[in-house]
Amino acid sequence: MTDKVARYINPYTDFGFKKLFGEEANKDLLIDFLNAVLPLESKIVSLTFRNPEQLPDNNVDRKAIFDIACTGEHNEQFTVEMQKARQKYFKDRALFYLSFPIQRQAQKGDWDFNLNPVYLVAVLNFTYDENEEKRKIYRLVSLKDQDGEEFLDKLKMVFLQMPLFRLTEPELKTRKDKWMYFLKNLEDFDEIPSILREPVFEKAFSEAEYYRLSPLLQEQYQRDLMAYRDNVNVVETARREGLAAGLAEGEAKGRLAEKAEVARNMKAKGLPPALIAELTGLPASEIERL
């Protein structure tokens, strides 16, 4: 018996991410999304997908990154790197790939180094902040000095930690809220929520509907979905094993600390080190250091 197929595709898969945001026919969806999440002084009115010719020859990286040339409503030019990735050192990787659209602006001859702005938008289906009190659903990173004043406005990075987004439909206030609600819950929707009943989101739902895909595309999506789930399971298993190992190590350190305290008290009472070692199981060298 096979599992019931969700009505809408998973946007965190490479297939789903590209279907929604990486196709020429869906530029309007991408423009609306970027205008919602980027700190822009003027709105994006047009964009062009660049070929990732300067990226490493790596199929996974190529599928996870969109290189987008944008034009604002005042004809200003800027670049957006759109990323969906779950890799080790992802902050380092994000910065590394963001260097390509900066370097690409270099001009031969007499060039004054005046750069067009470059932005990164990273949609993450995982959390990278380890400390609970430091976690942020939306994080805007820019170049600032030691007093928090902006040093240069040409480079900004936006990170969306989607697992931290927990707003319900009545709580949605902004365009950014609506897009994050859409992405977070798309695969679980059976119908379009009333708050997303507007042309852009209705088109996004239509593009994401599984049974509107051709049989060939359905097959491609299912393969991609399986790979995505396998990756999630591997990461979750590693996390649980790491947590279990950490707890065991903590318990061991706790028992060792208790033994050290007992040995310290014995030593203070004048018991010989050899006897203390026998009673506590601690090495004589450790007792000597107490």
C-alpha atoms as a PDB file:
ATOM      1  CA  MET A   1       0.000   0.000   0.000  1.00  0.00           C
ATOM      2  CA  THR A   2       1.528   3.349  -1.022  1.00  0.00           C
ATOM      3  CA  ASP A   3       1.399   6.552   0.990  1.00  0.00           C
ATOM      4  CA  LYS A   4      -1.119   9.168  -0.017  1.00  0.00           C
ATOM      5  CA  VAL A   5       0.473  11.740  -2.313  1.00  0.00           C
ATOM      6  CA  ALA A   6       0.214  15.285  -0.986  1.00  0.00           C
ATOM      7  CA  ARG A   7      -1.767  17.664  -3.167  1.00  0.00           C
ATOM      8  CA  TYR A   8       1.087  20.172  -3.257  1.00  0.00           C
ATOM      9  CA  ILE A   9       4.800  19.545  -3.730  1.00  0.00           C
ATOM     10  CA  ASN A  10       7.443  20.066  -1.070  1.00  0.00           C
ATOM     11  CA  PRO A  11       9.109  23.466  -1.692  1.00  0.00           C
ATOM     12  CA  TYR A  12      12.309  22.424   0.104  1.00  0.00           C
ATOM     13  CA  THR A  13      13.137  19.806  -2.508  1.00  0.00           C
ATOM     14  CA  ASP A  14      15.349  20.968  -5.353  1.00  0.00           C
ATOM     15  CA  PHE A  15      12.466  20.241  -7.736  1.00  0.00           C
ATOM     16  CA  GLY A  16       9.917  22.205  -5.693  1.00  0.00           C
ATOM     17  CA  PHE A  17      12.243  25.132  -5.067  1.00  0.00           C
ATOM     18  CA  LYS A  18      13.061  25.446  -8.752  1.00  0.00           C
ATOM     19  CA  LYS A  19       9.436  24.946  -9.817  1.00  0.00           C
ATOM     20  CA  LEU A  20       8.275  27.883  -7.713  1.00  0.00           C
ATOM     21  CA  PHE A  21      11.192  30.280  -8.007  1.00  0.00           C
ATOM     22  CA  GLY A  22      13.552  29.126 -10.756  1.00  0.00           C
ATOM     23  CA  GLU A  23      11.448  29.100 -13.914  1.00  0.00           C
ATOM     24  CA  GLU A  24      11.017  31.905 -16.432  1.00  0.00           C
ATOM     25  CA  ALA A  25       7.240  31.559 -16.311  1.00  0.00           C
ATOM     26  CA  ASN A  26       7.229  32.150 -12.559  1.00  0.00           C
ATOM     27  CA  LYS A  27       9.332  35.289 -12.370  1.00  0.00           C
ATOM     28  CA  ASP A  28       6.371  37.143 -10.920  1.00  0.00           C
ATOM     29  CA  LEU A  29       6.341  34.748  -7.946  1.00  0.00           C
ATOM     30  CA  LEU A  30      10.042  35.276  -7.324  1.00  0.00           C
ATOM     31  CA  ILE A  31       9.751  39.065  -7.642  1.00  0.00           C
ATOM     32  CA  ASP A  32       6.908  39.156  -5.131  1.00  0.00           C
ATOM     33  CA  PHE A  33       8.801  36.905  -2.702  1.00  0.00           C
ATOM     34  CA  LEU A  34      12.059  38.857  -2.941  1.00  0.00           C
ATOM     35  CA  ASN A  35      10.284  42.171  -2.486  1.00  0.00           C
ATOM     36  CA  ALA A  36       8.711  40.731   0.664  1.00  0.00           C
ATOM     37  CA  VAL A  37      11.908  39.518   2.324  1.00  0.00           C
ATOM     38  CA  LEU A  38      14.652  41.879   1.092  1.00  0.00           C
ATOM     39  CA  PRO A  39      15.397  45.264   2.727  1.00  0.00           C
ATOM     40  CA  LEU A  40      15.073  47.194  -0.528  1.00  0.00           C
ATOM     41  CA  GLU A  41      14.618  50.945  -0.828  1.00  0.00           C
ATOM     42  CA  SER A  42      12.707  50.418  -4.065  1.00  0.00           C
ATOM     43  CA  LYS A  43      10.895  47.376  -5.405  1.00  0.00           C
ATOM     44  CA  ILE A  44      12.186  44.904  -7.963  1.00  0.00           C
ATOM     45  CA  VAL A  45      10.377  45.398 -11.265  1.00  0.00           C
ATOM     46  CA  SER A  46      12.250  42.878 -13.429  1.00  0.00           C
ATOM     47  CA  LEU A  47      14.843  40.160 -13.123  1.00  0.00           C
ATOM     48  CA  THR A  48      16.938  37.839 -15.258  1.00  0.00           C
ATOM     49  CA  PHE A  49      18.314  34.411 -14.408  1.00  0.00           C
ATOM     50  CA  ARG A  50      22.028  34.161 -15.097  1.00  0.00           C
ATOM     51  CA  ASN A  51      23.680  30.881 -16.003  1.00  0.00           C
ATOM     52  CA  PRO A  52      25.732  29.574 -13.070  1.00  0.00           C
ATOM     53  CA  GLU A  53      28.827  29.291 -15.260  1.00  0.00           C
ATOM     54  CA  GLN A  54      31.107  30.591 -12.521  1.00  0.00           C
ATOM     55  CA  LEU A  55      29.899  28.147  -9.894  1.00  0.00           C
ATOM     56  CA  PRO A  56      31.816  24.950  -9.115  1.00  0.00           C
ATOM     57  CA  ASP A  57      31.017  22.014 -11.397  1.00  0.00           C
ATOM     58  CA  ASN A  58      28.757  20.426  -8.821  1.00  0.00           C
ATOM     59  CA  ASN A  59      25.185  19.449  -9.683  1.00  0.00           C
ATOM     60  CA  VAL A  60      23.968  19.730  -6.091  1.00  0.00           C
ATOM     61  CA  ASP A  61      25.299  23.269  -5.734  1.00  0.00           C
ATOM     62  CA  ARG A  62      23.957  24.299  -9.130  1.00  0.00           C
ATOM     63  CA  LYS A  63      20.445  23.153  -8.221  1.00  0.00           C
ATOM     64  CA  ALA A  64      20.573  24.855  -4.838  1.00  0.00           C
ATOM     65  CA  ILE A  65      21.590  28.330  -6.059  1.00  0.00           C
ATOM     66  CA  PHE A  66      19.964  30.882  -8.366  1.00  0.00           C
ATOM     67  CA  ASP A  67      22.014  33.795  -9.664  1.00  0.00           C
ATOM     68  CA  ILE A  68      19.578  36.629 -10.392  1.00  0.00           C
ATOM     69  CA  ALA A  69      20.188  40.034 -11.984  1.00  0.00           C
ATOM     70  CA  CYS A  70      17.542  42.491 -10.747  1.00  0.00           C
ATOM     71  CA  THR A  71      16.346  45.935 -11.767  1.00  0.00           C
ATOM     72  CA  GLY A  72      14.653  48.257  -9.302  1.00  0.00           C
ATOM     73  CA  GLU A  73      11.854  50.708  -9.993  1.00  0.00           C
ATOM     74  CA  HIS A  74      14.399  53.537 -10.327  1.00  0.00           C
ATOM     75  CA  ASN A  75      16.437  51.495 -12.827  1.00  0.00           C
ATOM     76  CA  GLU A  76      19.093  50.592 -10.249  1.00  0.00           C
ATOM     77  CA  GLN A  77      20.892  47.291 -10.828  1.00  0.00           C
ATOM     78  CA  PHE A  78      21.678  44.679  -8.194  1.00  0.00           C
ATOM     79  CA  THR A  79      22.224  40.949  -7.837  1.00  0.00           C
ATOM     80  CA  VAL A  80      20.432  38.416  -5.645  1.00  0.00           C
ATOM     81  CA  GLU A  81      21.797  34.979  -4.850  1.00  0.00           C
ATOM     82  CA  MET A  82      18.933  32.656  -3.938  1.00  0.00           C
ATOM     83  CA  GLN A  83      20.046  29.606  -1.955  1.00  0.00           C
ATOM     84  CA  LYS A  84      18.418  26.533  -0.470  1.00  0.00           C
ATOM     85  CA  ALA A  85      21.033  24.410   1.209  1.00  0.00           C
ATOM     86  CA  ARG A  86      21.647  22.108   4.125  1.00  0.00           C
ATOM     87  CA  GLN A  87      25.357  21.497   4.300  1.00  0.00           C
ATOM     88  CA  LYS A  88      28.154  21.645   6.799  1.00  0.00           C
ATOM     89  CA  TYR A  89      29.659  25.119   7.165  1.00  0.00           C
ATOM     90  CA  PHE A  90      26.691  26.567   5.319  1.00  0.00           C
ATOM     91  CA  LYS A  91      27.516  30.127   6.472  1.00  0.00           C
ATOM     92  CA  ASP A  92      30.954  29.776   4.922  1.00  0.00           C
ATOM     93  CA  ARG A  93      29.448  28.341   1.737  1.00  0.00           C
ATOM     94  CA  ALA A  94      26.900  31.166   1.558  1.00  0.00           C
ATOM     95  CA  LEU A  95      29.655  33.770   1.793  1.00  0.00           C
ATOM     96  CA  PHE A  96      31.816  31.874  -0.711  1.00  0.00           C
ATOM     97  CA  TYR A  97      29.102  31.752  -3.373  1.00  0.00           C
ATOM     98  CA  LEU A  98      28.172  35.366  -2.704  1.00  0.00           C
ATOM     99  CA  SER A  99      31.696  36.362  -3.707  1.00  0.00           C
ATOM    100  CA  PHE A 100      31.060  35.308  -7.324  1.00  0.00           C
ATOM    101  CA  PRO A 101      28.558  38.058  -8.228  1.00  0.00           C
ATOM    102  CA  ILE A 102      30.906  40.561  -6.590  1.00  0.00           C
ATOM    103  CA  GLN A 103      33.936  39.409  -8.575  1.00  0.00           C
ATOM    104  CA  ARG A 104      31.903  39.255 -11.776  1.00  0.00           C
ATOM    105  CA  GLN A 105      31.468  43.042 -11.668  1.00  0.00           C
ATOM    106  CA  ALA A 106      35.184  43.581 -12.251  1.00  0.00           C
ATOM    107  CA  GLN A 107      35.884  45.524 -15.452  1.00  0.00           C
ATOM    108  CA  LYS A 108      38.989  45.636 -17.583  1.00  0.00           C
ATOM    109  CA  GLY A 109      40.861  48.871 -17.950  1.00  0.00           C
ATOM    110  CA  ASP A 110      40.220  51.988 -15.906  1.00  0.00           C
ATOM    111  CA  TRP A 111      37.566  50.865 -13.389  1.00  0.00           C
ATOM    112  CA  ASP A 112      36.708  52.803 -10.230  1.00  0.00           C
ATOM    113  CA  PHE A 113      35.464  49.730  -8.259  1.00  0.00           C
ATOM    114  CA  ASN A 114      31.989  51.169  -7.794  1.00  0.00           C
ATOM    115  CA  LEU A 115      29.920  48.029  -7.114  1.00  0.00           C
ATOM    116  CA  ASN A 116      26.253  47.320  -7.590  1.00  0.00           C
ATOM    117  CA  PRO A 117      24.638  45.938  -4.424  1.00  0.00           C
ATOM    118  CA  VAL A 118      24.639  42.180  -3.886  1.00  0.00           C
ATOM    119  CA  TYR A 119      22.096  40.351  -1.744  1.00  0.00           C
ATOM    120  CA  LEU A 120      21.760  36.811  -0.491  1.00  0.00           C
ATOM    121  CA  VAL A 121      18.463  35.142   0.345  1.00  0.00           C
ATOM    122  CA  ALA A 122      18.827  31.740   2.020  1.00  0.00           C
ATOM    123  CA  VAL A 123      15.673  29.701   2.647  1.00  0.00           C
ATOM    124  CA  LEU A 124      16.610  27.140   5.289  1.00  0.00           C
ATOM    125  CA  ASN A 125      14.591  24.106   6.340  1.00  0.00           C
ATOM    126  CA  PHE A 126      16.842  23.742   9.394  1.00  0.00           C
ATOM    127  CA  THR A 127      18.107  25.945  12.230  1.00  0.00           C
ATOM    128  CA  TYR A 128      21.729  26.935  12.509  1.00  0.00           C
ATOM    129  CA  ASP A 129      21.531  28.828  15.830  1.00  0.00           C
ATOM    130  CA  GLU A 130      22.474  26.429  18.607  1.00  0.00           C
ATOM    131  CA  ASN A 131      21.517  28.722  21.488  1.00  0.00           C
ATOM    132  CA  GLU A 132      17.750  28.988  21.940  1.00  0.00           C
ATOM    133  CA  GLU A 133      17.898  32.602  23.123  1.00  0.00           C
ATOM    134  CA  LYS A 134      19.758  33.677  19.966  1.00  0.00           C
ATOM    135  CA  ARG A 135      17.439  32.061  17.447  1.00  0.00           C
ATOM    136  CA  LYS A 136      15.780  34.333  14.910  1.00  0.00           C
ATOM    137  CA  ILE A 137      13.259  33.381  12.235  1.00  0.00           C
ATOM    138  CA  TYR A 138      14.419  36.241  10.025  1.00  0.00           C
ATOM    139  CA  ARG A 139      18.024  37.413  10.177  1.00  0.00           C
ATOM    140  CA  LEU A 140      19.356  40.350   8.181  1.00  0.00           C
ATOM    141  CA  VAL A 141      23.154  40.521   8.088  1.00  0.00           C
ATOM    142  CA  SER A 142      25.122  43.503   6.761  1.00  0.00           C
ATOM    143  CA  LEU A 143      28.582  45.041   7.014  1.00  0.00           C
ATOM    144  CA  LYS A 144      28.786  47.101  10.219  1.00  0.00           C
ATOM    145  CA  ASP A 145      31.551  48.507  12.383  1.00  0.00           C
ATOM    146  CA  GLN A 146      32.202  47.950  16.094  1.00  0.00           C
ATOM    147  CA  ASP A 147      29.521  50.518  17.039  1.00  0.00           C
ATOM    148  CA  GLY A 148      26.844  48.861  14.919  1.00  0.00           C
ATOM    149  CA  GLU A 149      26.946  51.564  12.240  1.00  0.00           C
ATOM    150  CA  GLU A 150      26.716  50.428   8.647  1.00  0.00           C
ATOM    151  CA  PHE A 151      30.112  50.369   6.951  1.00  0.00           C
ATOM    152  CA  LEU A 152      28.865  49.606   3.428  1.00  0.00           C
ATOM    153  CA  ASP A 153      25.361  49.072   2.080  1.00  0.00           C
ATOM    154  CA  LYS A 154      26.449  47.001  -0.935  1.00  0.00           C
ATOM    155  CA  LEU A 155      26.302  43.569   0.734  1.00  0.00           C
ATOM    156  CA  LYS A 156      23.375  42.140   2.692  1.00  0.00           C
ATOM    157  CA  MET A 157      22.364  38.587   3.601  1.00  0.00           C
ATOM    158  CA  VAL A 158      18.900  37.371   4.598  1.00  0.00           C
ATOM    159  CA  PHE A 159      18.474  34.022   6.357  1.00  0.00           C
ATOM    160  CA  LEU A 160      15.022  32.498   6.833  1.00  0.00           C
ATOM    161  CA  GLN A 161      15.086  29.706   9.446  1.00  0.00           C
ATOM    162  CA  MET A 162      11.785  28.141   8.442  1.00  0.00           C
ATOM    163  CA  PRO A 163      11.443  25.625  11.324  1.00  0.00           C
ATOM    164  CA  LEU A 164      11.228  28.582  13.726  1.00  0.00           C
ATOM    165  CA  PHE A 165       8.227  30.075  11.904  1.00  0.00           C
ATOM    166  CA  ARG A 166       5.099  29.160  13.880  1.00  0.00           C
ATOM    167  CA  LEU A 167       2.556  31.879  13.062  1.00  0.00           C
ATOM    168  CA  THR A 168      -0.997  30.714  12.395  1.00  0.00           C
ATOM    169  CA  GLU A 169      -3.293  32.136   9.725  1.00  0.00           C
ATOM    170  CA  PRO A 170      -4.944  34.781  11.988  1.00  0.00           C
ATOM    171  CA  GLU A 171      -1.488  35.995  13.079  1.00  0.00           C
ATOM    172  CA  LEU A 172      -0.169  36.804   9.602  1.00  0.00           C
ATOM    173  CA  LYS A 173       0.389  40.549   9.250  1.00  0.00           C
ATOM    174  CA  THR A 174       2.964  41.207   6.533  1.00  0.00           C
ATOM    175  CA  ARG A 175       3.738  40.000   3.022  1.00  0.00           C
ATOM    176  CA  LYS A 176       6.806  38.261   4.431  1.00  0.00           C
ATOM    177  CA  ASP A 177       4.595  36.454   6.966  1.00  0.00           C
ATOM    178  CA  LYS A 178       2.359  35.187   4.167  1.00  0.00           C
ATOM    179  CA  TRP A 179       5.228  33.872   2.064  1.00  0.00           C
ATOM    180  CA  MET A 180       6.822  32.110   5.013  1.00  0.00           C
ATOM    181  CA  TYR A 181       3.450  30.629   5.977  1.00  0.00           C
ATOM    182  CA  PHE A 182       3.028  29.418   2.396  1.00  0.00           C
ATOM    183  CA  LEU A 183       6.475  27.777   2.242  1.00  0.00           C
ATOM    184  CA  LYS A 184       6.314  26.283   5.729  1.00  0.00           C
ATOM    185  CA  ASN A 185       2.930  24.615   5.232  1.00  0.00           C
ATOM    186  CA  LEU A 186       2.594  24.109   1.464  1.00  0.00           C
ATOM    187  CA  GLU A 187       2.972  20.328   1.475  1.00  0.00           C
ATOM    188  CA  ASP A 188       0.342  20.013   4.236  1.00  0.00           C
ATOM    189  CA  PHE A 189      -2.364  22.148   2.630  1.00  0.00           C
ATOM    190  CA  ASP A 190      -5.394  20.411   1.123  1.00  0.00           C
ATOM    191  CA  GLU A 191      -6.805  23.684  -0.192  1.00  0.00           C
ATOM    192  CA  ILE A 192      -5.805  27.334  -0.437  1.00  0.00           C
ATOM    193  CA  PRO A 193      -6.248  29.182   2.886  1.00  0.00           C
ATOM    194  CA  SER A 194      -8.557  32.185   2.685  1.00  0.00           C
ATOM    195  CA  ILE A 195      -5.789  34.619   3.663  1.00  0.00           C
ATOM    196  CA  LEU A 196      -3.769  33.515   0.611  1.00  0.00           C
ATOM    197  CA  ARG A 197      -6.655  33.935  -1.818  1.00  0.00           C
ATOM    198  CA  GLU A 198      -4.943  36.498  -4.031  1.00  0.00           C
ATOM    199  CA  PRO A 199      -3.522  36.183  -7.561  1.00  0.00           C
ATOM    200  CA  VAL A 200       0.177  35.656  -6.745  1.00  0.00           C
ATOM    201  CA  PHE A 201      -0.431  32.924  -4.183  1.00  0.00           C
ATOM    202  CA  GLU A 202      -3.194  31.304  -6.231  1.00  0.00           C
ATOM    203  CA  LYS A 203      -0.699  30.996  -9.096  1.00  0.00           C
ATOM    204  CA  ALA A 204       1.919  29.595  -6.687  1.00  0.00           C
ATOM    205  CA  PHE A 205      -0.544  26.961  -5.493  1.00  0.00           C
ATOM    206  CA  SER A 206      -1.428  26.094  -9.071  1.00  0.00           C
ATOM    207  CA  GLU A 207       2.245  25.673 -10.006  1.00  0.00           C
ATOM    208  CA  ALA A 208       2.832  23.519  -6.935  1.00  0.00           C
ATOM    209  CA  GLU A 209      -0.109  21.156  -7.505  1.00  0.00           C
ATOM    210  CA  TYR A 210       1.268  17.640  -7.937  1.00  0.00           C
ATOM    211  CA  TYR A 211      -1.399  16.291 -10.292  1.00  0.00           C
ATOM    212  CA  ARG A 212      -0.935  19.219 -12.671  1.00  0.00           C
ATOM    213  CA  LEU A 213       2.560  17.939 -13.387  1.00  0.00           C
ATOM    214  CA  SER A 214       3.177  15.677 -16.357  1.00  0.00           C
ATOM    215  CA  PRO A 215       3.887  11.997 -15.561  1.00  0.00           C
ATOM    216  CA  LEU A 216       7.572  12.605 -16.324  1.00  0.00           C
ATOM    217  CA  LEU A 217       7.765  15.549 -13.940  1.00  0.00           C
ATOM    218  CA  GLN A 218       5.866  13.606 -11.282  1.00  0.00           C
ATOM    219  CA  GLU A 219       8.498  10.889 -11.532  1.00  0.00           C
ATOM    220  CA  GLN A 220      11.316  13.431 -11.256  1.00  0.00           C
ATOM    221  CA  TYR A 221       9.671  15.014  -8.232  1.00  0.00           C
ATOM    222  CA  GLN A 222       9.179  11.656  -6.487  1.00  0.00           C
ATOM    223  CA  ARG A 223      12.871  10.833  -6.940  1.00  0.00           C
ATOM    224  CA  ASP A 224      13.834  14.234  -5.614  1.00  0.00           C
ATOM    225  CA  LEU A 225      11.423  13.920  -2.701  1.00  0.00           C
ATOM    226  CA  MET A 226      12.910  10.555  -1.763  1.00  0.00           C
ATOM    227  CA  ALA A 227      16.424  12.014  -1.834  1.00  0.00           C
ATOM    228  CA  TYR A 228      15.260  14.943   0.292  1.00  0.00           C
ATOM    229  CA  ARG A 229      13.646  12.662   2.877  1.00  0.00           C
ATOM    230  CA  ASP A 230      16.717  10.429   2.975  1.00  0.00           C
ATOM    231  CA  ASN A 231      18.880  13.466   3.628  1.00  0.00           C
ATOM    232  CA  VAL A 232      16.578  14.686   6.392  1.00  0.00           C
ATOM    233  CA  ASN A 233      16.619  11.236   8.008  1.00  0.00           C
ATOM    234  CA  VAL A 234      20.410  11.073   7.878  1.00  0.00           C
ATOM    235  CA  VAL A 235      20.733  14.491   9.500  1.00  0.00           C
ATOM    236  CA  GLU A 236      18.123  13.685  12.157  1.00  0.00           C
ATOM    237  CA  THR A 237      19.771  10.343  12.965  1.00  0.00           C
ATOM    238  CA  ALA A 238      23.143  12.052  13.310  1.00  0.00           C
ATOM    239  CA  ARG A 239      21.608  14.697  15.545  1.00  0.00           C
ATOM    240  CA  ARG A 240      20.009  12.110  17.819  1.00  0.00           C
ATOM    241  CA  GLU A 241      23.172  10.034  18.000  1.00  0.00           C
ATOM    242  CA  GLY A 242      25.189  13.134  18.772  1.00  0.00           C
ATOM    243  CA  LEU A 243      22.717  14.136  21.460  1.00  0.00           C
ATOM    244  CA  ALA A 244      22.838  10.665  23.021  1.00  0.00           C
ATOM    245  CA  ALA A 245      26.637  10.678  22.935  1.00  0.00           C
ATOM    246  CA  GLY A 246      26.672  14.137  24.494  1.00  0.00           C
ATOM    247  CA  LEU A 247      24.364  13.044  27.307  1.00  0.00           C
ATOM    248  CA  ALA A 248      26.467   9.972  27.998  1.00  0.00           C
ATOM    249  CA  GLU A 249      29.622  12.074  28.045  1.00  0.00           C
ATOM    250  CA  GLY A 250      27.956  14.554  30.378  1.00  0.00           C
ATOM    251  CA  GLU A 251      26.909  11.810  32.757  1.00  0.00           C
ATOM    252  CA  ALA A 252      30.422  10.387  32.733  1.00  0.00           C
ATOM    253  CA  LYS A 253      31.908  13.809  33.471  1.00  0.00           C
ATOM    254  CA  GLY A 254      29.380  14.275  36.255  1.00  0.00           C
ATOM    255  CA  ARG A 255      30.360  10.984  37.896  1.00  0.00           C
ATOM    256  CA  LEU A 256      34.032  11.883  37.553  1.00  0.00           C
ATOM    257  CA  ALA A 257      33.427  15.258  39.192  1.00  0.00           C
ATOM    258  CA  GLU A 258      31.634  13.567  42.092  1.00  0.00           C
ATOM    259  CA  LYS A 259      34.526  11.141  42.584  1.00  0.00           C
ATOM    260  CA  ALA A 260      37.002  14.016  42.507  1.00  0.00           C
ATOM    261  CA  GLU A 261      35.050  15.844  45.204  1.00  0.00           C
ATOM    262  CA  VAL A 262      34.986  12.722  47.420  1.00  0.00           C
ATOM    263  CA  ALA A 263      38.717  12.203  46.871  1.00  0.00           C
ATOM    264  CA  ARG A 264      39.395  15.855  47.724  1.00  0.00           C
ATOM    265  CA  ASN A 265      37.554  15.459  51.024  1.00  0.00           C
ATOM    266  CA  MET A 266      39.436  12.235  51.825  1.00  0.00           C
ATOM    267  CA  LYS A 267      42.732  13.928  51.068  1.00  0.00           C
ATOM    268  CA  ALA A 268      41.819  16.836  53.343  1.00  0.00           C
ATOM    269  CA  LYS A 269      41.218  14.362  56.153  1.00  0.00           C
ATOM    270  CA  GLY A 270      44.692  12.908  55.701  1.00  0.00           C
ATOM    271  CA  LEU A 271      43.921   9.588  54.008  1.00  0.00           C
ATOM    272  CA  PRO A 272      46.882   8.226  52.015  1.00  0.00           C
ATOM    273  CA  PRO A 273      46.664   8.670  48.231  1.00  0.00           C
ATOM    274  CA  ALA A 274      46.924   4.918  47.591  1.00  0.00           C
ATOM    275  CA  LEU A 275      43.853   4.266  49.722  1.00  0.00           C
ATOM    276  CA  ILE A 276      41.925   7.116  48.111  1.00  0.00           C
ATOM    277  CA  ALA A 277      42.744   5.706  44.683  1.00  0.00           C
ATOM    278  CA  GLU A 278      41.522   2.267  45.724  1.00  0.00           C
ATOM    279  CA  LEU A 279      38.249   3.619  47.160  1.00  0.00           C
ATOM    280  CA  THR A 280      37.363   6.030  44.349  1.00  0.00           C
ATOM    281  CA  GLY A 281      38.896   4.321  41.328  1.00  0.00           C
ATOM    282  CA  LEU A 282      40.696   7.518  40.362  1.00  0.00           C
ATOM    283  CA  PRO A 283      44.327   7.349  39.163  1.00  0.00           C
ATOM    284  CA  ALA A 284      46.935   8.245  41.749  1.00  0.00           C
ATOM    285  CA  SER A 285      48.213  10.996  39.466  1.00  0.00           C
ATOM    286  CA  GLU A 286      44.775  12.620  39.478  1.00  0.00           C
ATOM    287  CA  ILE A 287      44.611  12.480  43.266  1.00  0.00           C
ATOM    288  CA  GLU A 288      48.017  14.147  43.497  1.00  0.00           C
ATOM    289  CA  ARG A 289      46.680  17.093  41.511  1.00  0.00           C
ATOM    290  CA  LEU A 290      43.665  17.623  43.770  1.00  0.00           C
END
